[in-house]
mmCIF file of all heavy atoms, coordinates in Angstrom:
data_MODEL
# 
_entry.id   MODEL 
# 
loop_
_atom_site.group_PDB 
_atom_site.id 
_atom_site.type_symbol 
_atom_site.label_atom_id 
_atom_site.label_alt_id 
_atom_site.label_comp_id 
_atom_site.label_asym_id 
_atom_site.label_entity_id 
_atom_site.label_seq_id 
_atom_site.pdbx_PDB_ins_code 
_atom_site.Cartn_x 
_atom_site.Cartn_y 
_atom_site.Cartn_z 
_atom_site.occupancy 
_atom_site.B_iso_or_equiv 
_atom_site.pdbx_formal_charge 
_atom_site.auth_seq_id 
_atom_site.auth_comp_id 
_atom_site.auth_asym_id 
_atom_site.auth_atom_id 
_atom_site.pdbx_PDB_model_num 
ATOM 1   N N   . ASP A 1 1  ? -7.377  -7.806  -1.936 1.00 0.00 ? 1  ASP A N   1 
ATOM 2   C CA  . ASP A 1 1  ? -6.375  -7.094  -2.713 1.00 0.00 ? 1  ASP A CA  1 
ATOM 3   C C   . ASP A 1 1  ? -5.303  -6.420  -1.864 1.00 0.00 ? 1  ASP A C   1 
ATOM 4   O O   . ASP A 1 1  ? -4.452  -5.712  -2.406 1.00 0.00 ? 1  ASP A O   1 
ATOM 5   C CB  . ASP A 1 1  ? -7.071  -6.023  -3.583 1.00 0.00 ? 1  ASP A CB  1 
ATOM 6   C CG  . ASP A 1 1  ? -8.020  -6.661  -4.593 1.00 0.00 ? 1  ASP A CG  1 
ATOM 7   O OD1 . ASP A 1 1  ? -7.756  -7.806  -5.003 1.00 0.00 ? 1  ASP A OD1 1 
ATOM 8   O OD2 . ASP A 1 1  ? -9.011  -6.009  -4.951 1.00 0.00 ? 1  ASP A OD2 1 
ATOM 9   N N   . GLU A 1 2  ? -5.340  -6.598  -0.555 1.00 0.00 ? 2  GLU A N   1 
ATOM 10  C CA  . GLU A 1 2  ? -4.361  -5.944  0.299  1.00 0.00 ? 2  GLU A CA  1 
ATOM 11  C C   . GLU A 1 2  ? -2.942  -6.458  0.017  1.00 0.00 ? 2  GLU A C   1 
ATOM 12  O O   . GLU A 1 2  ? -2.755  -7.568  -0.443 1.00 0.00 ? 2  GLU A O   1 
ATOM 13  C CB  . GLU A 1 2  ? -4.682  -6.190  1.789  1.00 0.00 ? 2  GLU A CB  1 
ATOM 14  C CG  . GLU A 1 2  ? -5.955  -5.543  2.272  1.00 0.00 ? 2  GLU A CG  1 
ATOM 15  C CD  . GLU A 1 2  ? -7.126  -6.499  2.180  1.00 0.00 ? 2  GLU A CD  1 
ATOM 16  O OE1 . GLU A 1 2  ? -6.923  -7.696  1.902  1.00 0.00 ? 2  GLU A OE1 1 
ATOM 17  O OE2 . GLU A 1 2  ? -8.259  -6.038  2.356  1.00 0.00 ? 2  GLU A OE2 1 
ATOM 18  N N   . ALA A 1 3  ? -1.996  -5.635  0.351  1.00 0.00 ? 3  ALA A N   1 
ATOM 19  C CA  . ALA A 1 3  ? -0.593  -6.027  0.218  1.00 0.00 ? 3  ALA A CA  1 
ATOM 20  C C   . ALA A 1 3  ? -0.281  -7.143  1.213  1.00 0.00 ? 3  ALA A C   1 
ATOM 21  O O   . ALA A 1 3  ? -0.972  -7.306  2.216  1.00 0.00 ? 3  ALA A O   1 
ATOM 22  C CB  . ALA A 1 3  ? 0.299   -4.821  0.477  1.00 0.00 ? 3  ALA A CB  1 
ATOM 23  N N   . ALA A 1 4  ? 0.771   -7.876  0.930  1.00 0.00 ? 4  ALA A N   1 
ATOM 24  C CA  . ALA A 1 4  ? 1.150   -9.022  1.768  1.00 0.00 ? 4  ALA A CA  1 
ATOM 25  C C   . ALA A 1 4  ? 1.372   -8.617  3.221  1.00 0.00 ? 4  ALA A C   1 
ATOM 26  O O   . ALA A 1 4  ? 0.959   -9.328  4.142  1.00 0.00 ? 4  ALA A O   1 
ATOM 27  C CB  . ALA A 1 4  ? 2.401   -9.693  1.208  1.00 0.00 ? 4  ALA A CB  1 
ATOM 28  N N   . HIS A 1 5  ? 2.018   -7.461  3.446  1.00 0.00 ? 5  HIS A N   1 
ATOM 29  C CA  . HIS A 1 5  ? 2.275   -7.053  4.827  1.00 0.00 ? 5  HIS A CA  1 
ATOM 30  C C   . HIS A 1 5  ? 0.977   -6.705  5.560  1.00 0.00 ? 5  HIS A C   1 
ATOM 31  O O   . HIS A 1 5  ? 0.840   -6.954  6.748  1.00 0.00 ? 5  HIS A O   1 
ATOM 32  C CB  . HIS A 1 5  ? 3.280   -5.898  4.891  1.00 0.00 ? 5  HIS A CB  1 
ATOM 33  C CG  . HIS A 1 5  ? 2.759   -4.586  4.447  1.00 0.00 ? 5  HIS A CG  1 
ATOM 34  N ND1 . HIS A 1 5  ? 2.609   -4.260  3.113  1.00 0.00 ? 5  HIS A ND1 1 
ATOM 35  C CD2 . HIS A 1 5  ? 2.331   -3.519  5.149  1.00 0.00 ? 5  HIS A CD2 1 
ATOM 36  C CE1 . HIS A 1 5  ? 2.122   -3.033  3.025  1.00 0.00 ? 5  HIS A CE1 1 
ATOM 37  N NE2 . HIS A 1 5  ? 1.937   -2.556  4.242  1.00 0.00 ? 5  HIS A NE2 1 
ATOM 38  N N   . VAL A 1 6  ? -0.012  -6.177  4.859  1.00 0.00 ? 6  VAL A N   1 
ATOM 39  C CA  . VAL A 1 6  ? -1.305  -5.866  5.475  1.00 0.00 ? 6  VAL A CA  1 
ATOM 40  C C   . VAL A 1 6  ? -2.004  -7.170  5.862  1.00 0.00 ? 6  VAL A C   1 
ATOM 41  O O   . VAL A 1 6  ? -2.568  -7.286  6.959  1.00 0.00 ? 6  VAL A O   1 
ATOM 42  C CB  . VAL A 1 6  ? -2.190  -5.019  4.532  1.00 0.00 ? 6  VAL A CB  1 
ATOM 43  C CG1 . VAL A 1 6  ? -3.588  -4.841  5.104  1.00 0.00 ? 6  VAL A CG1 1 
ATOM 44  C CG2 . VAL A 1 6  ? -1.539  -3.673  4.259  1.00 0.00 ? 6  VAL A CG2 1 
ATOM 45  N N   . LYS A 1 7  ? -1.942  -8.163  4.979  1.00 0.00 ? 7  LYS A N   1 
ATOM 46  C CA  . LYS A 1 7  ? -2.541  -9.467  5.287  1.00 0.00 ? 7  LYS A CA  1 
ATOM 47  C C   . LYS A 1 7  ? -1.857  -10.096 6.504  1.00 0.00 ? 7  LYS A C   1 
ATOM 48  O O   . LYS A 1 7  ? -2.516  -10.679 7.358  1.00 0.00 ? 7  LYS A O   1 
ATOM 49  C CB  . LYS A 1 7  ? -2.437  -10.399 4.084  1.00 0.00 ? 7  LYS A CB  1 
ATOM 50  C CG  . LYS A 1 7  ? -3.367  -10.032 2.952  1.00 0.00 ? 7  LYS A CG  1 
ATOM 51  C CD  . LYS A 1 7  ? -3.220  -11.014 1.809  1.00 0.00 ? 7  LYS A CD  1 
ATOM 52  C CE  . LYS A 1 7  ? -4.090  -10.613 0.637  1.00 0.00 ? 7  LYS A CE  1 
ATOM 53  N NZ  . LYS A 1 7  ? -4.000  -11.561 -0.463 1.00 0.00 ? 7  LYS A NZ  1 
ATOM 54  N N   . ALA A 1 8  ? -0.537  -9.968  6.573  1.00 0.00 ? 8  ALA A N   1 
ATOM 55  C CA  . ALA A 1 8  ? 0.205   -10.541 7.695  1.00 0.00 ? 8  ALA A CA  1 
ATOM 56  C C   . ALA A 1 8  ? -0.201  -9.880  9.015  1.00 0.00 ? 8  ALA A C   1 
ATOM 57  O O   . ALA A 1 8  ? -0.408  -10.565 10.025 1.00 0.00 ? 8  ALA A O   1 
ATOM 58  C CB  . ALA A 1 8  ? 1.707   -10.402 7.471  1.00 0.00 ? 8  ALA A CB  1 
ATOM 59  N N   . TYR A 1 9  ? -0.337  -8.559  9.006  1.00 0.00 ? 9  TYR A N   1 
ATOM 60  C CA  . TYR A 1 9  ? -0.759  -7.852  10.218 1.00 0.00 ? 9  TYR A CA  1 
ATOM 61  C C   . TYR A 1 9  ? -2.197  -8.207  10.585 1.00 0.00 ? 9  TYR A C   1 
ATOM 62  O O   . TYR A 1 9  ? -2.534  -8.368  11.760 1.00 0.00 ? 9  TYR A O   1 
ATOM 63  C CB  . TYR A 1 9  ? -0.629  -6.340  10.053 1.00 0.00 ? 9  TYR A CB  1 
ATOM 64  C CG  . TYR A 1 9  ? 0.799   -5.851  10.074 1.00 0.00 ? 9  TYR A CG  1 
ATOM 65  C CD1 . TYR A 1 9  ? 1.285   -5.026  9.070  1.00 0.00 ? 9  TYR A CD1 1 
ATOM 66  C CD2 . TYR A 1 9  ? 1.666   -6.203  11.099 1.00 0.00 ? 9  TYR A CD2 1 
ATOM 67  C CE1 . TYR A 1 9  ? 2.592   -4.574  9.080  1.00 0.00 ? 9  TYR A CE1 1 
ATOM 68  C CE2 . TYR A 1 9  ? 2.971   -5.761  11.127 1.00 0.00 ? 9  TYR A CE2 1 
ATOM 69  C CZ  . TYR A 1 9  ? 3.433   -4.942  10.115 1.00 0.00 ? 9  TYR A CZ  1 
ATOM 70  O OH  . TYR A 1 9  ? 4.718   -4.491  10.139 1.00 0.00 ? 9  TYR A OH  1 
ATOM 71  N N   . THR A 1 10 ? -3.042  -8.327  9.597  1.00 0.00 ? 10 THR A N   1 
ATOM 72  C CA  . THR A 1 10 ? -4.434  -8.690  9.836  1.00 0.00 ? 10 THR A CA  1 
ATOM 73  C C   . THR A 1 10 ? -4.518  -10.071 10.466 1.00 0.00 ? 10 THR A C   1 
ATOM 74  O O   . THR A 1 10 ? -5.265  -10.294 11.424 1.00 0.00 ? 10 THR A O   1 
ATOM 75  C CB  . THR A 1 10 ? -5.248  -8.641  8.523  1.00 0.00 ? 10 THR A CB  1 
ATOM 76  O OG1 . THR A 1 10 ? -5.148  -7.336  7.965  1.00 0.00 ? 10 THR A OG1 1 
ATOM 77  C CG2 . THR A 1 10 ? -6.703  -8.990  8.757  1.00 0.00 ? 10 THR A CG2 1 
ATOM 78  N N   . LYS A 1 11 ? -3.736  -10.987 9.952  1.00 0.00 ? 11 LYS A N   1 
ATOM 79  C CA  . LYS A 1 11 ? -3.716  -12.345 10.487 1.00 0.00 ? 11 LYS A CA  1 
ATOM 80  C C   . LYS A 1 11 ? -3.266  -12.337 11.955 1.00 0.00 ? 11 LYS A C   1 
ATOM 81  O O   . LYS A 1 11 ? -3.881  -12.985 12.801 1.00 0.00 ? 11 LYS A O   1 
ATOM 82  C CB  . LYS A 1 11 ? -2.795  -13.228 9.643  1.00 0.00 ? 11 LYS A CB  1 
ATOM 83  C CG  . LYS A 1 11 ? -2.829  -14.680 10.001 1.00 0.00 ? 11 LYS A CG  1 
ATOM 84  C CD  . LYS A 1 11 ? -1.982  -15.485 9.020  1.00 0.00 ? 11 LYS A CD  1 
ATOM 85  C CE  . LYS A 1 11 ? -2.035  -16.958 9.324  1.00 0.00 ? 11 LYS A CE  1 
ATOM 86  N NZ  . LYS A 1 11 ? -1.279  -17.767 8.370  1.00 0.00 ? 11 LYS A NZ  1 
ATOM 87  N N   . GLU A 1 12 ? -2.222  -11.593 12.253 1.00 0.00 ? 12 GLU A N   1 
ATOM 88  C CA  . GLU A 1 12 ? -1.744  -11.486 13.637 1.00 0.00 ? 12 GLU A CA  1 
ATOM 89  C C   . GLU A 1 12 ? -2.822  -10.911 14.549 1.00 0.00 ? 12 GLU A C   1 
ATOM 90  O O   . GLU A 1 12 ? -3.045  -11.389 15.653 1.00 0.00 ? 12 GLU A O   1 
ATOM 91  C CB  . GLU A 1 12 ? -0.495  -10.595 13.712 1.00 0.00 ? 12 GLU A CB  1 
ATOM 92  C CG  . GLU A 1 12 ? 0.756   -11.237 13.185 1.00 0.00 ? 12 GLU A CG  1 
ATOM 93  C CD  . GLU A 1 12 ? 1.250   -12.376 14.054 1.00 0.00 ? 12 GLU A CD  1 
ATOM 94  O OE1 . GLU A 1 12 ? 1.442   -12.173 15.273 1.00 0.00 ? 12 GLU A OE1 1 
ATOM 95  O OE2 . GLU A 1 12 ? 1.439   -13.485 13.514 1.00 0.00 ? 12 GLU A OE2 1 
ATOM 96  N N   . PHE A 1 13 ? -3.492  -9.873  14.057 1.00 0.00 ? 13 PHE A N   1 
ATOM 97  C CA  . PHE A 1 13 ? -4.549  -9.227  14.826 1.00 0.00 ? 13 PHE A CA  1 
ATOM 98  C C   . PHE A 1 13 ? -5.668  -10.215 15.134 1.00 0.00 ? 13 PHE A C   1 
ATOM 99  O O   . PHE A 1 13 ? -6.126  -10.325 16.278 1.00 0.00 ? 13 PHE A O   1 
ATOM 100 C CB  . PHE A 1 13 ? -5.095  -8.032  14.044 1.00 0.00 ? 13 PHE A CB  1 
ATOM 101 C CG  . PHE A 1 13 ? -6.221  -7.313  14.722 1.00 0.00 ? 13 PHE A CG  1 
ATOM 102 C CD1 . PHE A 1 13 ? -5.971  -6.391  15.728 1.00 0.00 ? 13 PHE A CD1 1 
ATOM 103 C CD2 . PHE A 1 13 ? -7.536  -7.566  14.354 1.00 0.00 ? 13 PHE A CD2 1 
ATOM 104 C CE1 . PHE A 1 13 ? -7.006  -5.736  16.352 1.00 0.00 ? 13 PHE A CE1 1 
ATOM 105 C CE2 . PHE A 1 13 ? -8.577  -6.903  14.982 1.00 0.00 ? 13 PHE A CE2 1 
ATOM 106 C CZ  . PHE A 1 13 ? -8.316  -5.985  15.983 1.00 0.00 ? 13 PHE A CZ  1 
ATOM 107 N N   . ILE A 1 14 ? -6.097  -10.951 14.149 1.00 0.00 ? 14 ILE A N   1 
ATOM 108 C CA  . ILE A 1 14 ? -7.180  -11.914 14.335 1.00 0.00 ? 14 ILE A CA  1 
ATOM 109 C C   . ILE A 1 14 ? -6.743  -13.038 15.274 1.00 0.00 ? 14 ILE A C   1 
ATOM 110 O O   . ILE A 1 14 ? -7.472  -13.411 16.203 1.00 0.00 ? 14 ILE A O   1 
ATOM 111 C CB  . ILE A 1 14 ? -7.654  -12.478 12.979 1.00 0.00 ? 14 ILE A CB  1 
ATOM 112 C CG1 . ILE A 1 14 ? -8.342  -11.370 12.166 1.00 0.00 ? 14 ILE A CG1 1 
ATOM 113 C CG2 . ILE A 1 14 ? -8.593  -13.669 13.173 1.00 0.00 ? 14 ILE A CG2 1 
ATOM 114 C CD1 . ILE A 1 14 ? -8.634  -11.756 10.720 1.00 0.00 ? 14 ILE A CD1 1 
ATOM 115 N N   . ILE A 1 15 ? -5.559  -13.577 15.063 1.00 0.00 ? 15 ILE A N   1 
ATOM 116 C CA  . ILE A 1 15 ? -5.076  -14.696 15.873 1.00 0.00 ? 15 ILE A CA  1 
ATOM 117 C C   . ILE A 1 15 ? -4.948  -14.295 17.339 1.00 0.00 ? 15 ILE A C   1 
ATOM 118 O O   . ILE A 1 15 ? -5.506  -14.941 18.229 1.00 0.00 ? 15 ILE A O   1 
ATOM 119 C CB  . ILE A 1 15 ? -3.720  -15.218 15.346 1.00 0.00 ? 15 ILE A CB  1 
ATOM 120 C CG1 . ILE A 1 15 ? -3.915  -15.921 14.015 1.00 0.00 ? 15 ILE A CG1 1 
ATOM 121 C CG2 . ILE A 1 15 ? -3.063  -16.154 16.364 1.00 0.00 ? 15 ILE A CG2 1 
ATOM 122 C CD1 . ILE A 1 15 ? -2.612  -16.244 13.305 1.00 0.00 ? 15 ILE A CD1 1 
ATOM 123 N N   . PHE A 1 16 ? -4.205  -13.233 17.605 1.00 0.00 ? 16 PHE A N   1 
ATOM 124 C CA  . PHE A 1 16 ? -3.936  -12.889 18.993 1.00 0.00 ? 16 PHE A CA  1 
ATOM 125 C C   . PHE A 1 16 ? -5.112  -12.199 19.668 1.00 0.00 ? 16 PHE A C   1 
ATOM 126 O O   . PHE A 1 16 ? -5.305  -12.346 20.876 1.00 0.00 ? 16 PHE A O   1 
ATOM 127 C CB  . PHE A 1 16 ? -2.637  -12.095 19.110 1.00 0.00 ? 16 PHE A CB  1 
ATOM 128 C CG  . PHE A 1 16 ? -1.444  -12.990 18.916 1.00 0.00 ? 16 PHE A CG  1 
ATOM 129 C CD1 . PHE A 1 16 ? -0.811  -13.068 17.693 1.00 0.00 ? 16 PHE A CD1 1 
ATOM 130 C CD2 . PHE A 1 16 ? -1.005  -13.803 19.939 1.00 0.00 ? 16 PHE A CD2 1 
ATOM 131 C CE1 . PHE A 1 16 ? 0.265   -13.927 17.499 1.00 0.00 ? 16 PHE A CE1 1 
ATOM 132 C CE2 . PHE A 1 16 ? 0.069   -14.662 19.761 1.00 0.00 ? 16 PHE A CE2 1 
ATOM 133 C CZ  . PHE A 1 16 ? 0.699   -14.732 18.537 1.00 0.00 ? 16 PHE A CZ  1 
ATOM 134 N N   . GLY A 1 17 ? -5.938  -11.489 18.911 1.00 0.00 ? 17 GLY A N   1 
ATOM 135 C CA  . GLY A 1 17 ? -7.161  -10.935 19.476 1.00 0.00 ? 17 GLY A CA  1 
ATOM 136 C C   . GLY A 1 17 ? -8.114  -12.051 19.876 1.00 0.00 ? 17 GLY A C   1 
ATOM 137 O O   . GLY A 1 17 ? -8.677  -12.044 20.978 1.00 0.00 ? 17 GLY A O   1 
ATOM 138 N N   . SER A 1 18 ? -8.280  -13.018 18.996 1.00 0.00 ? 18 SER A N   1 
ATOM 139 C CA  . SER A 1 18 ? -9.151  -14.163 19.295 1.00 0.00 ? 18 SER A CA  1 
ATOM 140 C C   . SER A 1 18 ? -8.588  -14.971 20.462 1.00 0.00 ? 18 SER A C   1 
ATOM 141 O O   . SER A 1 18 ? -9.335  -15.388 21.355 1.00 0.00 ? 18 SER A O   1 
ATOM 142 C CB  . SER A 1 18 ? -9.297  -15.059 18.067 1.00 0.00 ? 18 SER A CB  1 
ATOM 143 O OG  . SER A 1 18 ? -9.906  -14.355 17.013 1.00 0.00 ? 18 SER A OG  1 
ATOM 144 N N   . TYR A 1 19 ? -7.283  -15.178 20.462 1.00 0.00 ? 19 TYR A N   1 
ATOM 145 C CA  . TYR A 1 19 ? -6.647  -15.904 21.559 1.00 0.00 ? 19 TYR A CA  1 
ATOM 146 C C   . TYR A 1 19 ? -6.920  -15.206 22.892 1.00 0.00 ? 19 TYR A C   1 
ATOM 147 O O   . TYR A 1 19 ? -7.273  -15.849 23.884 1.00 0.00 ? 19 TYR A O   1 
ATOM 148 C CB  . TYR A 1 19 ? -5.134  -16.018 21.334 1.00 0.00 ? 19 TYR A CB  1 
ATOM 149 C CG  . TYR A 1 19 ? -4.406  -16.400 22.592 1.00 0.00 ? 19 TYR A CG  1 
ATOM 150 C CD1 . TYR A 1 19 ? -4.412  -17.716 23.034 1.00 0.00 ? 19 TYR A CD1 1 
ATOM 151 C CD2 . TYR A 1 19 ? -3.755  -15.452 23.357 1.00 0.00 ? 19 TYR A CD2 1 
ATOM 152 C CE1 . TYR A 1 19 ? -3.772  -18.077 24.201 1.00 0.00 ? 19 TYR A CE1 1 
ATOM 153 C CE2 . TYR A 1 19 ? -3.120  -15.802 24.529 1.00 0.00 ? 19 TYR A CE2 1 
ATOM 154 C CZ  . TYR A 1 19 ? -3.127  -17.104 24.954 1.00 0.00 ? 19 TYR A CZ  1 
ATOM 155 O OH  . TYR A 1 19 ? -2.505  -17.459 26.116 1.00 0.00 ? 19 TYR A OH  1 
ATOM 156 N N   . SER A 1 20 ? -6.787  -13.898 22.912 1.00 0.00 ? 20 SER A N   1 
ATOM 157 C CA  . SER A 1 20 ? -7.001  -13.142 24.140 1.00 0.00 ? 20 SER A CA  1 
ATOM 158 C C   . SER A 1 20 ? -8.436  -13.295 24.639 1.00 0.00 ? 20 SER A C   1 
ATOM 159 O O   . SER A 1 20 ? -8.680  -13.475 25.836 1.00 0.00 ? 20 SER A O   1 
ATOM 160 C CB  . SER A 1 20 ? -6.666  -11.671 23.898 1.00 0.00 ? 20 SER A CB  1 
ATOM 161 O OG  . SER A 1 20 ? -6.811  -10.937 25.081 1.00 0.00 ? 20 SER A OG  1 
ATOM 162 N N   . ILE A 1 21 ? -9.385  -13.238 23.735 1.00 0.00 ? 21 ILE A N   1 
ATOM 163 C CA  . ILE A 1 21 ? -10.790 -13.413 24.109 1.00 0.00 ? 21 ILE A CA  1 
ATOM 164 C C   . ILE A 1 21 ? -11.028 -14.827 24.640 1.00 0.00 ? 21 ILE A C   1 
ATOM 165 O O   . ILE A 1 21 ? -11.656 -15.016 25.685 1.00 0.00 ? 21 ILE A O   1 
ATOM 166 C CB  . ILE A 1 21 ? -11.716 -13.114 22.909 1.00 0.00 ? 21 ILE A CB  1 
ATOM 167 C CG1 . ILE A 1 21 ? -11.677 -11.618 22.584 1.00 0.00 ? 21 ILE A CG1 1 
ATOM 168 C CG2 . ILE A 1 21 ? -13.153 -13.576 23.199 1.00 0.00 ? 21 ILE A CG2 1 
ATOM 169 C CD1 . ILE A 1 21 ? -12.358 -11.258 21.273 1.00 0.00 ? 21 ILE A CD1 1 
ATOM 170 N N   . VAL A 1 22 ? -10.521 -15.830 23.934 1.00 0.00 ? 22 VAL A N   1 
ATOM 171 C CA  . VAL A 1 22 ? -10.724 -17.226 24.347 1.00 0.00 ? 22 VAL A CA  1 
ATOM 172 C C   . VAL A 1 22 ? -10.072 -17.471 25.703 1.00 0.00 ? 22 VAL A C   1 
ATOM 173 O O   . VAL A 1 22 ? -10.653 -18.123 26.578 1.00 0.00 ? 22 VAL A O   1 
ATOM 174 C CB  . VAL A 1 22 ? -10.187 -18.203 23.276 1.00 0.00 ? 22 VAL A CB  1 
ATOM 175 C CG1 . VAL A 1 22 ? -10.154 -19.634 23.796 1.00 0.00 ? 22 VAL A CG1 1 
ATOM 176 C CG2 . VAL A 1 22 ? -11.034 -18.110 22.013 1.00 0.00 ? 22 VAL A CG2 1 
ATOM 177 N N   . ARG A 1 23 ? -8.889  -16.937 25.896 1.00 0.00 ? 23 ARG A N   1 
ATOM 178 C CA  . ARG A 1 23 ? -8.191  -17.116 27.170 1.00 0.00 ? 23 ARG A CA  1 
ATOM 179 C C   . ARG A 1 23 ? -8.984  -16.493 28.309 1.00 0.00 ? 23 ARG A C   1 
ATOM 180 O O   . ARG A 1 23 ? -9.199  -17.108 29.347 1.00 0.00 ? 23 ARG A O   1 
ATOM 181 C CB  . ARG A 1 23 ? -6.798  -16.508 27.089 1.00 0.00 ? 23 ARG A CB  1 
ATOM 182 C CG  . ARG A 1 23 ? -5.945  -16.767 28.317 1.00 0.00 ? 23 ARG A CG  1 
ATOM 183 C CD  . ARG A 1 23 ? -4.526  -16.236 28.094 1.00 0.00 ? 23 ARG A CD  1 
ATOM 184 N NE  . ARG A 1 23 ? -3.642  -16.653 29.139 1.00 0.00 ? 23 ARG A NE  1 
ATOM 185 C CZ  . ARG A 1 23 ? -3.447  -15.966 30.266 1.00 0.00 ? 23 ARG A CZ  1 
ATOM 186 N NH1 . ARG A 1 23 ? -4.069  -14.829 30.460 1.00 0.00 ? 23 ARG A NH1 1 
ATOM 187 N NH2 . ARG A 1 23 ? -2.617  -16.423 31.178 1.00 0.00 ? 23 ARG A NH2 1 
ATOM 188 N N   . LYS A 1 24 ? -9.428  -15.256 28.129 1.00 0.00 ? 24 LYS A N   1 
ATOM 189 C CA  . LYS A 1 24 ? -10.219 -14.572 29.160 1.00 0.00 ? 24 LYS A CA  1 
ATOM 190 C C   . LYS A 1 24 ? -11.502 -15.346 29.443 1.00 0.00 ? 24 LYS A C   1 
ATOM 191 O O   . LYS A 1 24 ? -11.888 -15.525 30.599 1.00 0.00 ? 24 LYS A O   1 
ATOM 192 C CB  . LYS A 1 24 ? -10.535 -13.148 28.715 1.00 0.00 ? 24 LYS A CB  1 
ATOM 193 C CG  . LYS A 1 24 ? -11.310 -12.327 29.732 1.00 0.00 ? 24 LYS A CG  1 
ATOM 194 C CD  . LYS A 1 24 ? -11.509 -10.914 29.242 1.00 0.00 ? 24 LYS A CD  1 
ATOM 195 C CE  . LYS A 1 24 ? -12.285 -10.070 30.216 1.00 0.00 ? 24 LYS A CE  1 
ATOM 196 N NZ  . LYS A 1 24 ? -11.505 -9.654  31.357 1.00 0.00 ? 24 LYS A NZ  1 
ATOM 197 N N   . TRP A 1 25 ? -12.149 -15.820 28.392 1.00 0.00 ? 25 TRP A N   1 
ATOM 198 C CA  . TRP A 1 25 ? -13.392 -16.585 28.527 1.00 0.00 ? 25 TRP A CA  1 
ATOM 199 C C   . TRP A 1 25 ? -13.155 -17.878 29.300 1.00 0.00 ? 25 TRP A C   1 
ATOM 200 O O   . TRP A 1 25 ? -13.876 -18.193 30.243 1.00 0.00 ? 25 TRP A O   1 
ATOM 201 C CB  . TRP A 1 25 ? -13.955 -16.870 27.129 1.00 0.00 ? 25 TRP A CB  1 
ATOM 202 C CG  . TRP A 1 25 ? -14.978 -17.952 27.050 1.00 0.00 ? 25 TRP A CG  1 
ATOM 203 C CD1 . TRP A 1 25 ? -16.231 -17.935 27.596 1.00 0.00 ? 25 TRP A CD1 1 
ATOM 204 C CD2 . TRP A 1 25 ? -14.851 -19.211 26.382 1.00 0.00 ? 25 TRP A CD2 1 
ATOM 205 N NE1 . TRP A 1 25 ? -16.896 -19.109 27.294 1.00 0.00 ? 25 TRP A NE1 1 
ATOM 206 C CE2 . TRP A 1 25 ? -16.066 -19.903 26.551 1.00 0.00 ? 25 TRP A CE2 1 
ATOM 207 C CE3 . TRP A 1 25 ? -13.830 -19.810 25.642 1.00 0.00 ? 25 TRP A CE3 1 
ATOM 208 C CZ2 . TRP A 1 25 ? -16.286 -21.167 26.009 1.00 0.00 ? 25 TRP A CZ2 1 
ATOM 209 C CZ3 . TRP A 1 25 ? -14.053 -21.054 25.101 1.00 0.00 ? 25 TRP A CZ3 1 
ATOM 210 C CH2 . TRP A 1 25 ? -15.264 -21.722 25.291 1.00 0.00 ? 25 TRP A CH2 1 
ATOM 211 N N   . LEU A 1 26 ? -12.148 -18.616 28.911 1.00 0.00 ? 26 LEU A N   1 
ATOM 212 C CA  . LEU A 1 26 ? -11.908 -19.920 29.511 1.00 0.00 ? 26 LEU A CA  1 
ATOM 213 C C   . LEU A 1 26 ? -11.474 -19.814 30.974 1.00 0.00 ? 26 LEU A C   1 
ATOM 214 O O   . LEU A 1 26 ? -11.789 -20.674 31.785 1.00 0.00 ? 26 LEU A O   1 
ATOM 215 C CB  . LEU A 1 26 ? -10.852 -20.686 28.707 1.00 0.00 ? 26 LEU A CB  1 
ATOM 216 C CG  . LEU A 1 26 ? -10.793 -22.177 28.934 1.00 0.00 ? 26 LEU A CG  1 
ATOM 217 C CD1 . LEU A 1 26 ? -12.126 -22.836 28.607 1.00 0.00 ? 26 LEU A CD1 1 
ATOM 218 C CD2 . LEU A 1 26 ? -9.702  -22.788 28.085 1.00 0.00 ? 26 LEU A CD2 1 
ATOM 219 N N   . LEU A 1 27 ? -10.771 -18.737 31.310 1.00 0.00 ? 27 LEU A N   1 
ATOM 220 C CA  . LEU A 1 27 ? -10.291 -18.573 32.677 1.00 0.00 ? 27 LEU A CA  1 
ATOM 221 C C   . LEU A 1 27 ? -11.311 -17.878 33.584 1.00 0.00 ? 27 LEU A C   1 
ATOM 222 O O   . LEU A 1 27 ? -11.083 -17.749 34.780 1.00 0.00 ? 27 LEU A O   1 
ATOM 223 C CB  . LEU A 1 27 ? -8.973  -17.795 32.677 1.00 0.00 ? 27 LEU A CB  1 
ATOM 224 C CG  . LEU A 1 27 ? -7.812  -18.493 31.949 1.00 0.00 ? 27 LEU A CG  1 
ATOM 225 C CD1 . LEU A 1 27 ? -6.580  -17.604 31.929 1.00 0.00 ? 27 LEU A CD1 1 
ATOM 226 C CD2 . LEU A 1 27 ? -7.506  -19.849 32.555 1.00 0.00 ? 27 LEU A CD2 1 
# 
């Protein structure tokens, strides 16, 4: 039920947080 902008921020957080973890792991 979150507002569209909250969903957009959540998506960014998940994408770039996960990317950062995967990058650190892989390197």
